[in-house]
């Protein structure tokens, strides 16, 4: 149990992070509708948050490599706290510009939180890393049960100003991150080994690392999996508002977040038991179910089932992609490789989230899901080629 101390603490931090993330996804777009000069730009705050996350992932990784994981987590939370307070003030003053600036500032917090799962993997023996990664993500499951109730509580404290309570709650959640981070034990010192030039002495060139099929598949599943999820999830509250069922969107988002993290109870075990390839395939199948359900109707049930399947697909692809990534770099390479991975994930997700608002307003909900299908076909094709090629190599055995 002692070796899981950091994992448990990181799961607590993950719960606080996901509480903030749920708030941003659910209310930043709605606050944008209320203050944006044009409805097409309603999702711009969400997009700016994701773009900022993408731009700060690599610097945050290098800061952690030069200092420590704990310092990076504290730095991110400090900036995130200021961001949430600025967005609360933006709602109070009905300023779309301040809302966007606040959303842009949340990036360093979100980028630092992406390394919770890597820190968990570094806290346990390599064979146990899939389970450690999935256990950290369970923190999101805890958040999904309590966050809607806390939204209503904080909203009741600030009646008369829509969404103000939600962003005050986000500030409180970010502030709570400092507690578990304070009790983290130092991680593997090998993370700090370098040659004085910022690049570890025994690290391979990045060009050699990124050419590995395993790296490509890991990034594709993490990046497109996250992009598909964000693309559809960002559009969902707005689409439900258009369909005049917007009052049900908090419950639908809650069900979605539960589906994102409930599989973490067993996804790490399933990867250990059956391997990465079958689990990634099941994740892609869940995405397909999500998009087909969304295309079949616009009742609350359709949104609910689609978002549940979307969450399941994200979990399996994200845990699988993260696990695969930890297998394609050495200890000395992890700072740059993880930073590049997170940059690619959130760059793709940022484009997807902004496109979601534009496509929804210009072409409708059906086109959103059809576009998501295109991303799924790309991810599935690359993963199938990699997985089947690996099985062929196993059957043939070593070649003379």
Protein backbone atom coordinates (compact mmCIF):
# COMPACT_ATOMS: atom_id res chain seq x y z
CA UNK A 1 0.00 0.00 0.00
CA UNK A 2 2.91 2.35 0.73
CA UNK A 3 3.98 2.28 -2.93
CA UNK A 4 0.50 3.52 -3.84
CA UNK A 5 0.74 6.55 -1.53
CA UNK A 6 1.59 8.93 -4.38
CA UNK A 7 -1.02 7.31 -6.62
CA UNK A 8 -3.77 7.99 -4.06
CA UNK A 9 -2.62 11.58 -3.56
CA UNK A 10 -2.48 12.14 -7.31
CA UNK A 11 -5.99 10.69 -7.67
CA UNK A 12 -7.15 13.33 -5.17
CA UNK A 13 -5.46 16.05 -7.23
CA UNK A 14 -7.05 14.56 -10.35
CA UNK A 15 -10.50 14.87 -8.74
CA UNK A 16 -9.90 18.59 -8.16
CA UNK A 17 -8.61 19.02 -11.70
CA UNK A 18 -11.60 17.23 -13.22
CA UNK A 19 -13.99 19.29 -11.12
CA UNK A 20 -12.43 22.36 -12.71
CA UNK A 21 -12.39 20.83 -16.19
CA UNK A 22 -16.08 19.86 -15.96
CA UNK A 23 -16.90 23.41 -14.91
CA UNK A 24 -14.96 24.92 -17.81
CA UNK A 25 -16.51 22.63 -20.41
CA UNK A 26 -20.06 23.05 -19.11
CA UNK A 27 -20.10 26.76 -18.30
CA UNK A 28 -17.39 28.52 -20.33
CA UNK A 29 -19.36 28.02 -23.55
CA UNK A 30 -22.63 29.07 -21.89
CA UNK A 31 -20.96 32.15 -20.42
CA UNK A 32 -19.59 32.78 -23.91
CA UNK A 33 -23.10 32.73 -25.38
CA UNK A 34 -24.17 35.32 -22.82
CA UNK A 35 -21.32 37.73 -23.54
CA UNK A 36 -19.90 36.96 -27.01
CA UNK A 37 -20.58 39.49 -29.79
CA UNK A 38 -21.49 36.59 -32.11
CA UNK A 39 -22.83 33.12 -31.13
CA UNK A 40 -20.25 31.51 -33.45
CA UNK A 41 -17.56 32.52 -30.96
CA UNK A 42 -19.33 31.02 -27.93
CA UNK A 43 -16.82 28.15 -27.67
CA UNK A 44 -13.80 30.45 -28.04
CA UNK A 45 -13.06 30.45 -24.27
CA UNK A 46 -13.01 26.63 -24.26
CA UNK A 47 -10.76 26.65 -27.31
CA UNK A 48 -8.36 29.18 -25.79
CA UNK A 49 -8.09 27.06 -22.65
CA UNK A 50 -7.17 24.02 -24.74
CA UNK A 51 -4.76 25.94 -26.99
CA UNK A 52 -3.07 27.41 -23.92
CA UNK A 53 -2.82 23.90 -22.50
CA UNK A 54 -1.18 22.72 -25.71
CA UNK A 55 1.33 25.57 -25.73
CA UNK A 56 2.37 25.05 -22.11
CA UNK A 57 2.61 21.24 -21.98
CA UNK A 58 6.19 21.04 -23.28
CA UNK A 59 7.49 23.96 -21.15
CA UNK A 60 5.76 22.49 -18.09
CA UNK A 61 7.41 19.12 -18.73
CA UNK A 62 10.83 20.73 -18.99
CA UNK A 63 10.22 22.80 -15.84
CA UNK A 64 9.41 19.59 -13.99
CA UNK A 65 12.52 17.94 -15.40
CA UNK A 66 14.71 20.82 -14.19
CA UNK A 67 12.96 21.16 -10.79
CA UNK A 68 10.45 18.53 -9.66
CA UNK A 69 6.97 17.24 -10.38
CA UNK A 70 5.74 18.84 -7.16
CA UNK A 71 7.05 22.29 -8.12
CA UNK A 72 5.36 22.03 -11.51
CA UNK A 73 2.06 20.97 -9.98
CA UNK A 74 2.16 23.93 -7.56
CA UNK A 75 3.07 26.40 -10.30
CA UNK A 76 0.22 25.22 -12.49
CA UNK A 77 -2.31 25.39 -9.65
CA UNK A 78 -1.23 28.93 -8.73
CA UNK A 79 -1.82 30.21 -12.26
CA UNK A 80 -5.05 28.21 -12.49
CA UNK A 81 -6.39 29.81 -9.31
CA UNK A 82 -5.82 33.28 -10.76
CA UNK A 83 -7.50 32.15 -13.98
CA UNK A 84 -10.69 30.95 -12.27
CA UNK A 85 -10.98 34.17 -10.27
CA UNK A 86 -10.55 36.24 -13.44
CA UNK A 87 -13.28 34.25 -15.21
CA UNK A 88 -15.57 34.79 -12.23
CA UNK A 89 -14.95 38.53 -12.49
CA UNK A 90 -15.53 38.37 -16.25
CA UNK A 91 -18.96 36.82 -15.67
CA UNK A 92 -19.75 39.44 -13.03
CA UNK A 93 -18.80 42.27 -15.41
CA UNK A 94 -20.20 40.58 -18.56
CA UNK A 95 -16.83 40.93 -20.30
CA UNK A 96 -16.19 38.42 -23.09
CA UNK A 97 -12.59 39.63 -23.43
CA UNK A 98 -11.81 38.97 -19.76
CA UNK A 99 -13.54 35.60 -20.04
CA UNK A 100 -11.21 34.71 -22.91
CA UNK A 101 -8.12 35.97 -21.05
CA UNK A 102 -9.07 33.95 -18.00
CA UNK A 103 -9.62 30.86 -20.13
CA UNK A 104 -6.21 31.39 -21.72
CA UNK A 105 -4.61 31.49 -18.27
CA UNK A 106 -6.10 28.14 -17.23
CA UNK A 107 -3.76 26.37 -19.67
CA UNK A 108 -0.73 26.02 -17.36
CA UNK A 109 -2.91 24.42 -14.68
CA UNK A 110 -4.44 21.97 -17.13
CA UNK A 111 -1.07 21.14 -18.67
CA UNK A 112 0.49 20.48 -15.25
CA UNK A 113 -2.44 18.21 -14.37
CA UNK A 114 -1.79 16.09 -17.46
CA UNK A 115 1.37 14.85 -15.75
CA UNK A 116 -0.46 13.42 -12.73
CA UNK A 117 -0.82 10.12 -14.57
CA UNK A 118 2.85 10.06 -15.60
CA UNK A 119 3.89 10.85 -12.03
CA UNK A 120 1.76 7.92 -10.87
CA UNK A 121 3.43 5.61 -13.39
CA UNK A 122 6.84 6.70 -12.07
CA UNK A 123 5.78 5.93 -8.49
CA UNK A 124 5.32 2.17 -9.01
CA UNK A 125 7.23 -0.67 -10.72
CA UNK A 126 6.88 -0.61 -14.55
CA UNK A 127 4.64 -3.69 -14.63
CA UNK A 128 2.11 -1.88 -12.43
CA UNK A 129 2.05 1.38 -14.41
CA UNK A 130 -1.19 0.65 -16.37
CA UNK A 131 -3.06 0.14 -13.11
CA UNK A 132 -1.47 3.22 -11.52
CA UNK A 133 -2.48 5.35 -14.51
CA UNK A 134 -6.06 4.09 -14.40
CA UNK A 135 -6.27 4.55 -10.61
CA UNK A 136 -5.29 8.21 -10.92
CA UNK A 137 -8.04 8.72 -13.47
CA UNK A 138 -10.55 7.34 -10.93
CA UNK A 139 -10.23 10.73 -9.26
CA UNK A 140 -12.36 12.01 -12.11
CA UNK A 141 -15.05 9.49 -11.21
CA UNK A 142 -15.22 10.90 -7.69
CA UNK A 143 -15.54 14.42 -9.10
CA UNK A 144 -18.35 13.43 -11.45
CA UNK A 145 -20.62 12.38 -8.58
CA UNK A 146 -20.22 15.50 -6.43
CA UNK A 147 -19.59 18.34 -8.87
CA UNK A 148 -23.19 18.95 -10.08
CA UNK A 149 -24.37 19.21 -6.46
CA UNK A 150 -21.56 21.66 -5.70
CA UNK A 151 -22.47 23.68 -8.81
CA UNK A 152 -25.99 24.10 -7.46
CA UNK A 153 -24.69 24.99 -3.99
CA UNK A 154 -22.29 27.66 -5.23
CA UNK A 155 -24.85 28.88 -7.75
CA UNK A 156 -27.28 29.41 -4.90
CA UNK A 157 -24.73 31.59 -3.12
CA UNK A 158 -24.59 33.97 -6.08
CA UNK A 159 -28.17 34.11 -7.33
CA UNK A 160 -28.84 36.81 -9.87
CA UNK A 161 -25.53 36.40 -11.74
CA UNK A 162 -25.57 33.41 -14.07
CA UNK A 163 -22.51 31.13 -13.90
CA UNK A 164 -20.67 33.20 -11.26
CA UNK A 165 -21.02 30.46 -8.65
CA UNK A 166 -19.60 27.88 -11.07
CA UNK A 167 -16.34 29.78 -11.55
CA UNK A 168 -16.02 30.52 -7.82
CA UNK A 169 -16.36 26.77 -7.31
CA UNK A 170 -13.60 26.21 -9.91
CA UNK A 171 -11.31 28.50 -7.90
CA UNK A 172 -12.02 26.53 -4.72
CA UNK A 173 -11.36 23.21 -6.51
CA UNK A 174 -8.02 24.44 -7.86
CA UNK A 175 -7.06 25.69 -4.41
CA UNK A 176 -7.66 22.20 -3.02
CA UNK A 177 -4.96 20.79 -5.35
CA UNK A 178 -2.26 22.22 -3.07
CA UNK A 179 -3.23 19.81 -0.27
CA UNK A 180 -2.42 16.40 -1.85
CA UNK A 181 0.54 17.86 -3.75
CA UNK A 182 2.10 18.97 -0.45
CA UNK A 183 2.26 15.35 0.73
CA UNK A 184 3.75 13.81 -2.43
CA UNK A 185 6.95 11.86 -1.89
CA UNK A 186 9.88 12.61 -4.24
CA UNK A 187 9.77 10.58 -7.43
CA UNK A 188 12.54 8.68 -9.19
CA UNK A 189 15.69 10.80 -9.24
CA UNK A 190 16.49 9.46 -12.71
CA UNK A 191 14.00 11.98 -14.01
CA UNK A 192 16.53 14.72 -13.24
CA UNK A 193 19.56 13.21 -14.98
CA UNK A 194 20.91 15.41 -17.78
CA UNK A 195 24.19 16.46 -19.31
CA UNK A 196 23.97 20.11 -18.34
CA UNK A 197 22.64 21.11 -21.74
CA UNK A 198 18.97 20.40 -21.04
CA UNK A 199 19.05 17.06 -22.91
CA UNK A 200 19.78 13.86 -20.94
CA UNK A 201 23.14 12.33 -21.82
CA UNK A 202 21.80 8.93 -22.93
CA UNK A 203 18.71 10.23 -24.76
CA UNK A 204 18.14 9.41 -28.41
CA UNK A 205 17.39 12.16 -30.95
CA UNK A 206 13.69 13.02 -31.13
CA UNK A 207 13.72 12.10 -34.82
CA UNK A 208 14.52 8.50 -33.87
CA UNK A 209 11.86 8.39 -31.17
CA UNK A 210 8.98 9.79 -33.24
CA UNK A 211 9.62 7.31 -36.06
CA UNK A 212 8.75 4.38 -33.81
CA UNK A 213 5.39 2.82 -34.76
CA UNK A 214 4.55 2.55 -31.07
CA UNK A 215 5.03 6.30 -30.58
CA UNK A 216 2.85 7.10 -33.58
CA UNK A 217 0.04 4.82 -32.39
CA UNK A 218 0.27 6.13 -28.83
CA UNK A 219 -0.03 9.75 -29.96
CA UNK A 220 -2.78 9.00 -32.50
CA UNK A 221 -4.95 7.28 -29.91
CA UNK A 222 -4.34 9.89 -27.23
CA UNK A 223 -4.64 12.90 -29.56
CA UNK A 224 -7.53 11.85 -31.78
CA UNK A 225 -9.27 10.11 -28.88
CA UNK A 226 -9.14 13.34 -26.89
CA UNK A 227 -10.04 15.43 -29.95
CA UNK A 228 -13.11 13.31 -30.80
CA UNK A 229 -14.27 13.45 -27.21
CA UNK A 230 -13.73 17.22 -26.87
CA UNK A 231 -15.22 17.91 -30.31
CA UNK A 232 -18.53 16.25 -29.49
CA UNK A 233 -18.61 17.11 -25.78
CA UNK A 234 -17.97 20.82 -26.38
CA UNK A 235 -20.81 20.97 -28.89
CA UNK A 236 -23.24 18.99 -26.74
CA UNK A 237 -24.42 21.68 -24.25
CA UNK A 238 -24.85 24.13 -27.15
CA UNK A 239 -26.70 21.58 -29.29
CA UNK A 240 -29.00 20.71 -26.40
CA UNK A 241 -29.70 24.42 -25.89
CA UNK A 242 -30.61 24.73 -29.57
CA UNK A 243 -32.89 21.68 -29.23
CA UNK A 244 -34.58 23.35 -26.21
CA UNK A 245 -33.46 20.65 -23.78
CA UNK A 246 -30.55 22.62 -22.34
CA UNK A 247 -31.78 22.16 -18.78
CA UNK A 248 -30.72 18.50 -19.03
CA UNK A 249 -27.15 19.26 -20.15
CA UNK A 250 -25.55 19.21 -16.64
CA UNK A 251 -26.89 15.68 -16.05
CA UNK A 252 -25.76 14.54 -19.51
CA UNK A 253 -22.26 15.94 -18.91
CA UNK A 254 -22.20 14.26 -15.50
CA UNK A 255 -23.10 10.89 -17.05
CA UNK A 256 -20.42 11.48 -19.67
CA UNK A 257 -17.73 12.20 -17.06
CA UNK A 258 -18.75 9.12 -15.06
CA UNK A 259 -18.37 7.07 -18.25
CA UNK A 260 -14.97 8.66 -18.84
CA UNK A 261 -13.57 7.54 -15.50
CA UNK A 262 -15.61 4.58 -14.24
CA UNK A 263 -13.77 2.23 -16.66
CA UNK A 264 -10.55 3.22 -14.86
CA UNK A 265 -11.56 0.72 -12.18
CA UNK A 266 -10.73 -2.06 -14.62
CA UNK A 267 -9.08 -0.64 -17.78
CA UNK A 268 -5.55 -0.98 -16.35
CA UNK A 269 -6.24 -4.60 -15.40
CA UNK A 270 -7.73 -5.32 -18.84
CA UNK A 271 -4.62 -3.96 -20.55
CA UNK A 272 -2.42 -6.19 -18.37
CA UNK A 273 -4.69 -9.18 -19.06
CA UNK A 274 -5.47 -8.85 -22.77
CA UNK A 275 -2.86 -6.43 -24.11
CA UNK A 276 -3.06 -2.95 -25.60
CA UNK A 277 -4.34 -3.69 -29.11
CA UNK A 278 -7.67 -5.37 -28.17
CA UNK A 279 -8.47 -2.63 -25.65
CA UNK A 280 -7.78 0.12 -28.20
CA UNK A 281 -10.08 -1.63 -30.69
CA UNK A 282 -12.88 -1.79 -28.10
CA UNK A 283 -12.33 1.92 -27.47
CA UNK A 284 -12.77 2.67 -31.16
CA UNK A 285 -15.95 0.58 -31.22
CA UNK A 286 -17.33 2.64 -28.32
CA UNK A 287 -16.62 5.84 -30.26
CA UNK A 288 -18.51 4.42 -33.24
CA UNK A 289 -21.53 3.64 -31.03
CA UNK A 290 -21.42 7.20 -29.70
CA UNK A 291 -21.48 8.84 -33.11
CA UNK A 292 -24.15 6.53 -34.52
CA UNK A 293 -26.38 7.18 -31.51
CA UNK A 294 -25.92 10.93 -31.81
CA UNK A 295 -26.87 10.73 -35.49
CA UNK A 296 -30.04 8.77 -34.74
CA UNK A 297 -31.97 11.48 -32.86
CA UNK A 298 -31.98 14.64 -30.74
CA UNK A 299 -33.88 13.57 -27.63
CA UNK A 300 -32.22 13.68 -24.21
CA UNK A 301 -31.81 9.90 -24.40
CA UNK A 302 -29.77 10.16 -27.61
CA UNK A 303 -27.45 12.77 -26.13
CA UNK A 304 -27.11 10.76 -22.92
CA UNK A 305 -26.29 7.40 -24.53
CA UNK A 306 -23.95 9.03 -27.05
CA UNK A 307 -22.01 10.87 -24.35
CA UNK A 308 -21.75 7.72 -22.20
CA UNK A 309 -20.28 5.75 -25.11
CA UNK A 310 -18.04 8.73 -25.91
CA UNK A 311 -16.65 8.66 -22.37
CA UNK A 312 -15.96 4.92 -22.51
CA UNK A 313 -14.14 5.24 -25.83
CA UNK A 314 -12.03 8.10 -24.50
CA UNK A 315 -10.99 6.18 -21.39
CA UNK A 316 -9.83 3.06 -23.22
CA UNK A 317 -7.95 5.01 -25.89
CA UNK A 318 -6.42 7.49 -23.44
CA UNK A 319 -5.25 4.92 -20.89
CA UNK A 320 -4.06 2.66 -23.71
CA UNK A 321 -2.22 5.47 -25.50
CA UNK A 322 -0.58 6.68 -22.27
CA UNK A 323 0.52 3.16 -21.35
CA UNK A 324 2.00 2.62 -24.81
CA UNK A 325 3.84 5.95 -24.63
CA UNK A 326 5.60 4.92 -21.40
CA UNK A 327 6.99 1.91 -23.30
CA UNK A 328 8.61 3.79 -26.19
CA UNK A 329 10.96 6.12 -24.28
CA UNK A 330 13.74 5.66 -21.76
CA UNK A 331 13.89 7.28 -18.34
CA UNK A 332 16.21 9.95 -19.70
CA UNK A 333 13.90 10.78 -22.63
CA UNK A 334 10.61 11.11 -20.78
CA UNK A 335 10.66 14.90 -20.30
CA UNK A 336 10.82 15.68 -24.02
CA UNK A 337 8.68 12.75 -25.18
CA UNK A 338 5.87 13.36 -22.71
CA UNK A 339 5.97 17.08 -23.44
CA UNK A 340 5.71 16.47 -27.19
CA UNK A 341 2.87 14.01 -26.69
CA UNK A 342 0.87 16.44 -24.55
CA UNK A 343 1.51 19.28 -27.02
CA UNK A 344 0.20 17.18 -29.91
CA UNK A 345 -2.79 15.98 -27.87
CA UNK A 346 -3.93 19.44 -26.87
CA UNK A 347 -3.09 21.14 -30.16
CA UNK A 348 -5.39 18.67 -31.88
CA UNK A 349 -8.01 19.03 -29.15
CA UNK A 350 -7.87 22.83 -29.33
CA UNK A 351 -8.57 22.83 -33.05
CA UNK A 352 -11.38 20.32 -32.52
CA UNK A 353 -13.08 22.30 -29.76
CA UNK A 354 -13.07 25.55 -31.75
CA UNK A 355 -14.26 23.75 -34.86
CA UNK A 356 -17.11 22.24 -32.82
CA UNK A 357 -18.74 25.63 -32.26
CA UNK A 358 -18.26 26.74 -35.85
CA UNK A 359 -19.52 23.52 -37.42
CA UNK A 360 -22.49 23.33 -35.05
CA UNK A 361 -23.59 26.87 -35.89
CA UNK A 362 -22.93 26.62 -39.61
CA UNK A 363 -23.94 23.04 -40.42
CA UNK A 364 -25.64 21.49 -37.39
CA UNK A 365 -25.30 18.62 -34.92
CA UNK A 366 -25.38 15.91 -37.58
CA UNK A 367 -22.30 17.30 -39.31
CA UNK A 368 -20.43 17.48 -35.99
CA UNK A 369 -20.80 13.73 -35.56
CA UNK A 370 -20.06 12.97 -39.21
CA UNK A 371 -16.80 14.91 -38.90
CA UNK A 372 -15.98 12.96 -35.73
CA UNK A 373 -16.45 9.74 -37.70
CA UNK A 374 -13.70 10.86 -40.09
CA UNK A 375 -11.27 11.22 -37.18
CA UNK A 376 -12.29 7.78 -35.93
CA UNK A 377 -11.57 6.17 -39.31
CA UNK A 378 -8.06 7.67 -39.30
CA UNK A 379 -7.30 6.49 -35.76
CA UNK A 380 -8.74 3.02 -36.35
CA UNK A 381 -6.87 2.49 -39.62
CA UNK A 382 -3.47 3.36 -38.13
CA UNK A 383 -4.11 1.29 -35.00
CA UNK A 384 -5.28 -1.75 -36.99
CA UNK A 385 -2.19 -1.67 -39.22
CA UNK A 386 0.07 -1.46 -36.16
CA UNK A 387 -1.75 -4.18 -34.23
CA UNK A 388 -2.03 -6.65 -37.10
CA UNK A 389 1.61 -6.08 -38.11
CA UNK A 390 2.66 -6.87 -34.54
CA UNK A 391 0.66 -10.10 -34.56
CA UNK A 392 2.21 -11.13 -37.88
CA UNK A 393 5.68 -10.58 -36.41
CA UNK A 394 4.79 -12.77 -33.43
CA UNK A 395 3.55 -15.58 -35.68
CA UNK A 396 6.62 -15.47 -37.91
CA UNK A 397 9.04 -15.29 -35.01
CA UNK A 398 12.63 -14.03 -35.31
CA UNK A 399 13.94 -13.94 -38.87
CA UNK A 400 17.38 -15.33 -39.74
